[in-house]
Amino acid sequence: MRVAAFIHTLATRYNPKADDQGMIELPRYFSRKMIANYAGVSLSTLTAHLQQLMEEGRVIFNARVLLIGEENEA
């Protein structure tokens, strides 16, 4: 999934260390709107992808935190 790979790349660029569960935290100053703009998708498309990735256990997100699993590397 292109969006997952993009978020993973962005997260590792700013936070190269994964936690003990293999999750990488995207810095909080990246809003969903910023991520959508960088990825070249609409905010609603990004949100739909994040929901799907969350259901698959590949990301954890809420209003303030977005964690992405290491396995999402491009």
PDB file of N, CA and C in Angstrom:
ATOM      1  N   MET A   1       0.849  -1.180   0.000  1.00  0.00           N
ATOM      2  CA  MET A   1       0.000   0.000   0.000  1.00  0.00           C
ATOM      3  C   MET A   1       0.889   1.237   0.000  1.00  0.00           C
ATOM      4  N   ARG A   2       0.728   2.069  -0.974  1.00  0.00           N
ATOM      5  CA  ARG A   2       1.573   3.246  -1.151  1.00  0.00           C
ATOM      6  C   ARG A   2       1.535   4.188   0.050  1.00  0.00           C
ATOM      7  N   VAL A   3       0.349   4.414   0.621  1.00  0.00           N
ATOM      8  CA  VAL A   3       0.223   5.338   1.752  1.00  0.00           C
ATOM      9  C   VAL A   3       0.986   4.803   2.953  1.00  0.00           C
ATOM     10  N   ALA A   4       0.892   3.510   3.228  1.00  0.00           N
ATOM     11  CA  ALA A   4       1.605   2.913   4.363  1.00  0.00           C
ATOM     12  C   ALA A   4       3.109   3.046   4.185  1.00  0.00           C
ATOM     13  N   ALA A   5       3.589   2.776   2.988  1.00  0.00           N
ATOM     14  CA  ALA A   5       5.030   2.893   2.719  1.00  0.00           C
ATOM     15  C   ALA A   5       5.485   4.335   2.872  1.00  0.00           C
ATOM     16  N   PHE A   6       4.669   5.277   2.409  1.00  0.00           N
ATOM     17  CA  PHE A   6       5.026   6.685   2.535  1.00  0.00           C
ATOM     18  C   PHE A   6       5.097   7.099   3.999  1.00  0.00           C
ATOM     19  N   ILE A   7       4.090   6.734   4.792  1.00  0.00           N
ATOM     20  CA  ILE A   7       4.089   7.089   6.218  1.00  0.00           C
ATOM     21  C   ILE A   7       5.282   6.451   6.912  1.00  0.00           C
ATOM     22  N   HIS A   8       5.586   5.202   6.566  1.00  0.00           N
ATOM     23  CA  HIS A   8       6.734   4.524   7.164  1.00  0.00           C
ATOM     24  C   HIS A   8       8.017   5.289   6.840  1.00  0.00           C
ATOM     25  N   THR A   9       8.201   5.686   5.595  1.00  0.00           N
ATOM     26  CA  THR A   9       9.391   6.433   5.198  1.00  0.00           C
ATOM     27  C   THR A   9       9.481   7.752   5.959  1.00  0.00           C
ATOM     28  N   LEU A  10       8.371   8.454   6.054  1.00  0.00           N
ATOM     29  CA  LEU A  10       8.336   9.718   6.775  1.00  0.00           C
ATOM     30  C   LEU A  10       8.669   9.510   8.248  1.00  0.00           C
ATOM     31  N   ALA A  11       8.074   8.496   8.857  1.00  0.00           N
ATOM     32  CA  ALA A  11       8.315   8.227  10.280  1.00  0.00           C
ATOM     33  C   ALA A  11       9.776   7.875  10.544  1.00  0.00           C
ATOM     34  N   THR A  12      10.364   7.016   9.714  1.00  0.00           N
ATOM     35  CA  THR A  12      11.745   6.604   9.958  1.00  0.00           C
ATOM     36  C   THR A  12      12.730   7.732   9.687  1.00  0.00           C
ATOM     37  N   ARG A  13      12.372   8.652   8.825  1.00  0.00           N
ATOM     38  CA  ARG A  13      13.238   9.796   8.555  1.00  0.00           C
ATOM     39  C   ARG A  13      13.356  10.691   9.795  1.00  0.00           C
ATOM     40  N   TYR A  14      12.268  10.816  10.546  1.00  0.00           N
ATOM     41  CA  TYR A  14      12.256  11.702  11.703  1.00  0.00           C
ATOM     42  C   TYR A  14      12.410  10.970  13.031  1.00  0.00           C
ATOM     43  N   ASN A  15      12.229   9.655  13.036  1.00  0.00           N
ATOM     44  CA  ASN A  15      12.312   8.881  14.263  1.00  0.00           C
ATOM     45  C   ASN A  15      12.784   7.475  13.896  1.00  0.00           C
ATOM     46  N   PRO A  16      14.097   7.267  13.761  1.00  0.00           N
ATOM     47  CA  PRO A  16      14.607   5.993  13.240  1.00  0.00           C
ATOM     48  C   PRO A  16      14.458   4.783  14.174  1.00  0.00           C
ATOM     49  N   LYS A  17      14.093   4.987  15.435  1.00  0.00           N
ATOM     50  CA  LYS A  17      14.012   3.853  16.366  1.00  0.00           C
ATOM     51  C   LYS A  17      12.580   3.383  16.574  1.00  0.00           C
ATOM     52  N   ALA A  18      12.385   2.090  16.453  1.00  0.00           N
ATOM     53  CA  ALA A  18      11.083   1.489  16.735  1.00  0.00           C
ATOM     54  C   ALA A  18      10.998   1.173  18.226  1.00  0.00           C
ATOM     55  N   ASP A  19       9.785   1.113  18.750  1.00  0.00           N
ATOM     56  CA  ASP A  19       9.623   0.722  20.146  1.00  0.00           C
ATOM     57  C   ASP A  19       9.696  -0.801  20.264  1.00  0.00           C
ATOM     58  N   ASP A  20       9.496  -1.316  21.457  1.00  0.00           N
ATOM     59  CA  ASP A  20       9.641  -2.762  21.680  1.00  0.00           C
ATOM     60  C   ASP A  20       8.548  -3.592  21.005  1.00  0.00           C
ATOM     61  N   GLN A  21       7.535  -2.941  20.473  1.00  0.00           N
ATOM     62  CA  GLN A  21       6.483  -3.653  19.737  1.00  0.00           C
ATOM     63  C   GLN A  21       6.645  -3.484  18.225  1.00  0.00           C
ATOM     64  N   GLY A  22       7.797  -2.936  17.808  1.00  0.00           N
ATOM     65  CA  GLY A  22       8.056  -2.762  16.380  1.00  0.00           C
ATOM     66  C   GLY A  22       7.289  -1.626  15.748  1.00  0.00           C
ATOM     67  N   MET A  23       6.880  -0.645  16.555  1.00  0.00           N
ATOM     68  CA  MET A  23       6.132   0.487  16.044  1.00  0.00           C
ATOM     69  C   MET A  23       7.003   1.736  16.072  1.00  0.00           C
ATOM     70  N   ILE A  24       6.861   2.570  15.056  1.00  0.00           N
ATOM     71  CA  ILE A  24       7.611   3.817  14.941  1.00  0.00           C
ATOM     72  C   ILE A  24       6.605   4.965  15.070  1.00  0.00           C
ATOM     73  N   GLU A  25       6.912   5.917  15.948  1.00  0.00           N
ATOM     74  CA  GLU A  25       6.005   7.044  16.140  1.00  0.00           C
ATOM     75  C   GLU A  25       6.333   8.165  15.171  1.00  0.00           C
ATOM     76  N   LEU A  26       5.313   8.620  14.455  1.00  0.00           N
ATOM     77  CA  LEU A  26       5.467   9.779  13.593  1.00  0.00           C
ATOM     78  C   LEU A  26       5.421  11.011  14.490  1.00  0.00           C
ATOM     79  N   PRO A  27       6.362  11.951  14.345  1.00  0.00           N
ATOM     80  CA  PRO A  27       6.346  13.145  15.197  1.00  0.00           C
ATOM     81  C   PRO A  27       4.983  13.837  15.176  1.00  0.00           C
ATOM     82  N   ARG A  28       4.599  14.356  16.332  1.00  0.00           N
ATOM     83  CA  ARG A  28       3.253  14.912  16.497  1.00  0.00           C
ATOM     84  C   ARG A  28       2.977  16.142  15.663  1.00  0.00           C
ATOM     85  N   TYR A  29       4.019  16.832  15.212  1.00  0.00           N
ATOM     86  CA  TYR A  29       3.758  18.033  14.410  1.00  0.00           C
ATOM     87  C   TYR A  29       3.273  17.700  13.009  1.00  0.00           C
ATOM     88  N   PHE A  30       3.285  16.416  12.622  1.00  0.00           N
ATOM     89  CA  PHE A  30       2.719  16.014  11.339  1.00  0.00           C
ATOM     90  C   PHE A  30       1.222  15.773  11.522  1.00  0.00           C
ATOM     91  N   SER A  31       0.427  16.711  11.062  1.00  0.00           N
ATOM     92  CA  SER A  31      -1.021  16.524  11.124  1.00  0.00           C
ATOM     93  C   SER A  31      -1.444  15.574  10.002  1.00  0.00           C
ATOM     94  N   ARG A  32      -2.635  15.053  10.096  1.00  0.00           N
ATOM     95  CA  ARG A  32      -3.132  14.195   9.011  1.00  0.00           C
ATOM     96  C   ARG A  32      -3.221  14.971   7.707  1.00  0.00           C
ATOM     97  N   LYS A  33      -3.586  16.240   7.802  1.00  0.00           N
ATOM     98  CA  LYS A  33      -3.667  17.059   6.593  1.00  0.00           C
ATOM     99  C   LYS A  33      -2.283  17.200   5.952  1.00  0.00           C
ATOM    100  N   MET A  34      -1.242  17.420   6.760  1.00  0.00           N
ATOM    101  CA  MET A  34       0.117  17.515   6.229  1.00  0.00           C
ATOM    102  C   MET A  34       0.532  16.210   5.564  1.00  0.00           C
ATOM    103  N   ILE A  35       0.243  15.086   6.212  1.00  0.00           N
ATOM    104  CA  ILE A  35       0.600  13.776   5.662  1.00  0.00           C
ATOM    105  C   ILE A  35      -0.113  13.561   4.331  1.00  0.00           C
ATOM    106  N   ALA A  36      -1.398  13.887   4.287  1.00  0.00           N
ATOM    107  CA  ALA A  36      -2.166  13.741   3.047  1.00  0.00           C
ATOM    108  C   ALA A  36      -1.561  14.588   1.936  1.00  0.00           C
ATOM    109  N   ASN A  37      -1.195  15.833   2.258  1.00  0.00           N
ATOM    110  CA  ASN A  37      -0.586  16.711   1.252  1.00  0.00           C
ATOM    111  C   ASN A  37       0.733  16.132   0.750  1.00  0.00           C
ATOM    112  N   TYR A  38       1.587  15.680   1.662  1.00  0.00           N
ATOM    113  CA  TYR A  38       2.874  15.096   1.275  1.00  0.00           C
ATOM    114  C   TYR A  38       2.674  13.839   0.422  1.00  0.00           C
ATOM    115  N   ALA A  39       1.666  13.039   0.766  1.00  0.00           N
ATOM    116  CA  ALA A  39       1.421  11.786   0.044  1.00  0.00           C
ATOM    117  C   ALA A  39       0.677  11.999  -1.271  1.00  0.00           C
ATOM    118  N   GLY A  40       0.134  13.180  -1.453  1.00  0.00           N
ATOM    119  CA  GLY A  40      -0.599  13.460  -2.686  1.00  0.00           C
ATOM    120  C   GLY A  40      -1.971  12.828  -2.735  1.00  0.00           C
ATOM    121  N   VAL A  41      -2.604  12.688  -1.568  1.00  0.00           N
ATOM    122  CA  VAL A  41      -3.955  12.135  -1.496  1.00  0.00           C
ATOM    123  C   VAL A  41      -4.835  13.096  -0.703  1.00  0.00           C
ATOM    124  N   SER A  42      -6.135  12.928  -0.808  1.00  0.00           N
ATOM    125  CA  SER A  42      -7.046  13.771  -0.032  1.00  0.00           C
ATOM    126  C   SER A  42      -7.047  13.320   1.424  1.00  0.00           C
ATOM    127  N   LEU A  43      -7.488  14.205   2.285  1.00  0.00           N
ATOM    128  CA  LEU A  43      -7.578  13.869   3.705  1.00  0.00           C
ATOM    129  C   LEU A  43      -8.520  12.686   3.927  1.00  0.00           C
ATOM    130  N   SER A  44      -9.618  12.643   3.198  1.00  0.00           N
ATOM    131  CA  SER A  44     -10.559  11.527   3.366  1.00  0.00           C
ATOM    132  C   SER A  44      -9.943  10.207   2.895  1.00  0.00           C
ATOM    133  N   THR A  45      -9.141  10.248   1.828  1.00  0.00           N
ATOM    134  CA  THR A  45      -8.460   9.034   1.354  1.00  0.00           C
ATOM    135  C   THR A  45      -7.449   8.567   2.392  1.00  0.00           C
ATOM    136  N   LEU A  46      -6.673   9.504   2.938  1.00  0.00           N
ATOM    137  CA  LEU A  46      -5.709   9.144   3.973  1.00  0.00           C
ATOM    138  C   LEU A  46      -6.413   8.521   5.170  1.00  0.00           C
ATOM    139  N   THR A  47      -7.493   9.130   5.620  1.00  0.00           N
ATOM    140  CA  THR A  47      -8.230   8.611   6.772  1.00  0.00           C
ATOM    141  C   THR A  47      -8.754   7.206   6.496  1.00  0.00           C
ATOM    142  N   ALA A  48      -9.264   6.976   5.285  1.00  0.00           N
ATOM    143  CA  ALA A  48      -9.757   5.635   4.921  1.00  0.00           C
ATOM    144  C   ALA A  48      -8.616   4.621   4.957  1.00  0.00           C
ATOM    145  N   HIS A  49      -7.436   4.996   4.424  1.00  0.00           N
ATOM    146  CA  HIS A  49      -6.276   4.101   4.447  1.00  0.00           C
ATOM    147  C   HIS A  49      -5.838   3.830   5.887  1.00  0.00           C
ATOM    148  N   LEU A  50      -5.819   4.868   6.721  1.00  0.00           N
ATOM    149  CA  LEU A  50      -5.424   4.680   8.119  1.00  0.00           C
ATOM    150  C   LEU A  50      -6.385   3.743   8.839  1.00  0.00           C
ATOM    151  N   GLN A  51      -7.682   3.880   8.575  1.00  0.00           N
ATOM    152  CA  GLN A  51      -8.673   2.983   9.182  1.00  0.00           C
ATOM    153  C   GLN A  51      -8.410   1.538   8.762  1.00  0.00           C
ATOM    154  N   GLN A  52      -8.147   1.338   7.474  1.00  0.00           N
ATOM    155  CA  GLN A  52      -7.883  -0.009   6.986  1.00  0.00           C
ATOM    156  C   GLN A  52      -6.603  -0.571   7.617  1.00  0.00           C
ATOM    157  N   LEU A  53      -5.555   0.256   7.661  1.00  0.00           N
ATOM    158  CA  LEU A  53      -4.291  -0.184   8.259  1.00  0.00           C
ATOM    159  C   LEU A  53      -4.464  -0.487   9.746  1.00  0.00           C
ATOM    160  N   MET A  54      -5.305   0.287  10.423  1.00  0.00           N
ATOM    161  CA  MET A  54      -5.556   0.037  11.845  1.00  0.00           C
ATOM    162  C   MET A  54      -6.278  -1.306  12.022  1.00  0.00           C
ATOM    163  N   GLU A  55      -7.248  -1.575  11.177  1.00  0.00           N
ATOM    164  CA  GLU A  55      -7.971  -2.852  11.247  1.00  0.00           C
ATOM    165  C   GLU A  55      -7.032  -4.033  11.010  1.00  0.00           C
ATOM    166  N   GLU A  56      -5.996  -3.820  10.173  1.00  0.00           N
ATOM    167  CA  GLU A  56      -5.014  -4.870   9.892  1.00  0.00           C
ATOM    168  C   GLU A  56      -3.908  -4.935  10.952  1.00  0.00           C
ATOM    169  N   GLY A  57      -3.950  -4.015  11.926  1.00  0.00           N
ATOM    170  CA  GLY A  57      -2.936  -3.998  12.984  1.00  0.00           C
ATOM    171  C   GLY A  57      -1.602  -3.422  12.549  1.00  0.00           C
ATOM    172  N   ARG A  58      -1.603  -2.695  11.433  1.00  0.00           N
ATOM    173  CA  ARG A  58      -0.351  -2.145  10.895  1.00  0.00           C
ATOM    174  C   ARG A  58      -0.059  -0.737  11.386  1.00  0.00           C
ATOM    175  N   VAL A  59      -1.087  -0.027  11.869  1.00  0.00           N
ATOM    176  CA  VAL A  59      -0.891   1.289  12.477  1.00  0.00           C
ATOM    177  C   VAL A  59      -1.756   1.406  13.722  1.00  0.00           C
ATOM    178  N   ILE A  60      -1.356   2.316  14.581  1.00  0.00           N
ATOM    179  CA  ILE A  60      -2.162   2.717  15.728  1.00  0.00           C
ATOM    180  C   ILE A  60      -2.232   4.231  15.628  1.00  0.00           C
ATOM    181  N   PHE A  61      -3.429   4.783  15.673  1.00  0.00           N
ATOM    182  CA  PHE A  61      -3.511   6.235  15.622  1.00  0.00           C
ATOM    183  C   PHE A  61      -4.714   6.748  16.382  1.00  0.00           C
ATOM    184  N   ASN A  62      -4.580   7.975  16.860  1.00  0.00           N
ATOM    185  CA  ASN A  62      -5.688   8.727  17.425  1.00  0.00           C
ATOM    186  C   ASN A  62      -5.453  10.186  17.068  1.00  0.00           C
ATOM    187  N   ALA A  63      -6.088  11.089  17.768  1.00  0.00           N
ATOM    188  CA  ALA A  63      -5.982  12.504  17.405  1.00  0.00           C
ATOM    189  C   ALA A  63      -4.560  13.042  17.541  1.00  0.00           C
ATOM    190  N   ARG A  64      -3.735  12.466  18.400  1.00  0.00           N
ATOM    191  CA  ARG A  64      -2.413  13.018  18.675  1.00  0.00           C
ATOM    192  C   ARG A  64      -1.239  12.140  18.275  1.00  0.00           C
ATOM    193  N   VAL A  65      -1.454  10.845  18.117  1.00  0.00           N
ATOM    194  CA  VAL A  65      -0.323   9.932  17.900  1.00  0.00           C
ATOM    195  C   VAL A  65      -0.607   9.044  16.699  1.00  0.00           C
ATOM    196  N   LEU A  66       0.436   8.817  15.894  1.00  0.00           N
ATOM    197  CA  LEU A  66       0.343   7.854  14.806  1.00  0.00           C
ATOM    198  C   LEU A  66       1.592   6.974  14.902  1.00  0.00           C
ATOM    199  N   LEU A  67       1.373   5.687  15.124  1.00  0.00           N
ATOM    200  CA  LEU A  67       2.447   4.709  15.167  1.00  0.00           C
ATOM    201  C   LEU A  67       2.279   3.788  13.977  1.00  0.00           C
ATOM    202  N   ILE A  68       3.378   3.465  13.293  1.00  0.00           N
ATOM    203  CA  ILE A  68       3.309   2.567  12.137  1.00  0.00           C
ATOM    204  C   ILE A  68       4.273   1.421  12.348  1.00  0.00           C
ATOM    205  N   GLY A  69       3.848   0.214  11.979  1.00  0.00           N
ATOM    206  CA  GLY A  69       4.676  -0.954  12.142  1.00  0.00           C
ATOM    207  C   GLY A  69       5.868  -0.972  11.197  1.00  0.00           C
ATOM    208  N   GLU A  70       6.969  -1.530  11.665  1.00  0.00           N
ATOM    209  CA  GLU A  70       8.176  -1.616  10.847  1.00  0.00           C
ATOM    210  C   GLU A  70       7.953  -2.373   9.550  1.00  0.00           C
ATOM    211  N   GLU A  71       7.007  -3.305   9.536  1.00  0.00           N
ATOM    212  CA  GLU A  71       6.793  -4.150   8.354  1.00  0.00           C
ATOM    213  C   GLU A  71       6.196  -3.370   7.183  1.00  0.00           C
ATOM    214  N   ASN A  72       5.861  -2.097   7.373  1.00  0.00           N
ATOM    215  CA  ASN A  72       5.269  -1.294   6.308  1.00  0.00           C
ATOM    216  C   ASN A  72       6.291  -0.638   5.399  1.00  0.00           C
ATOM    217  N   GLU A  73       7.539  -1.028   5.547  1.00  0.00           N
ATOM    218  CA  GLU A  73       8.610  -0.446   4.732  1.00  0.00           C
ATOM    219  C   GLU A  73       8.360  -0.724   3.253  1.00  0.00           C
ATOM    220  N   ALA A  74       8.701   0.243   2.440  1.00  0.00           N
ATOM    221  CA  ALA A  74       8.483   0.103   0.985  1.00  0.00           C
ATOM    222  C   ALA A  74       9.366  -0.948   0.379  1.00  0.00           C
TER     223      ALA A  74
END
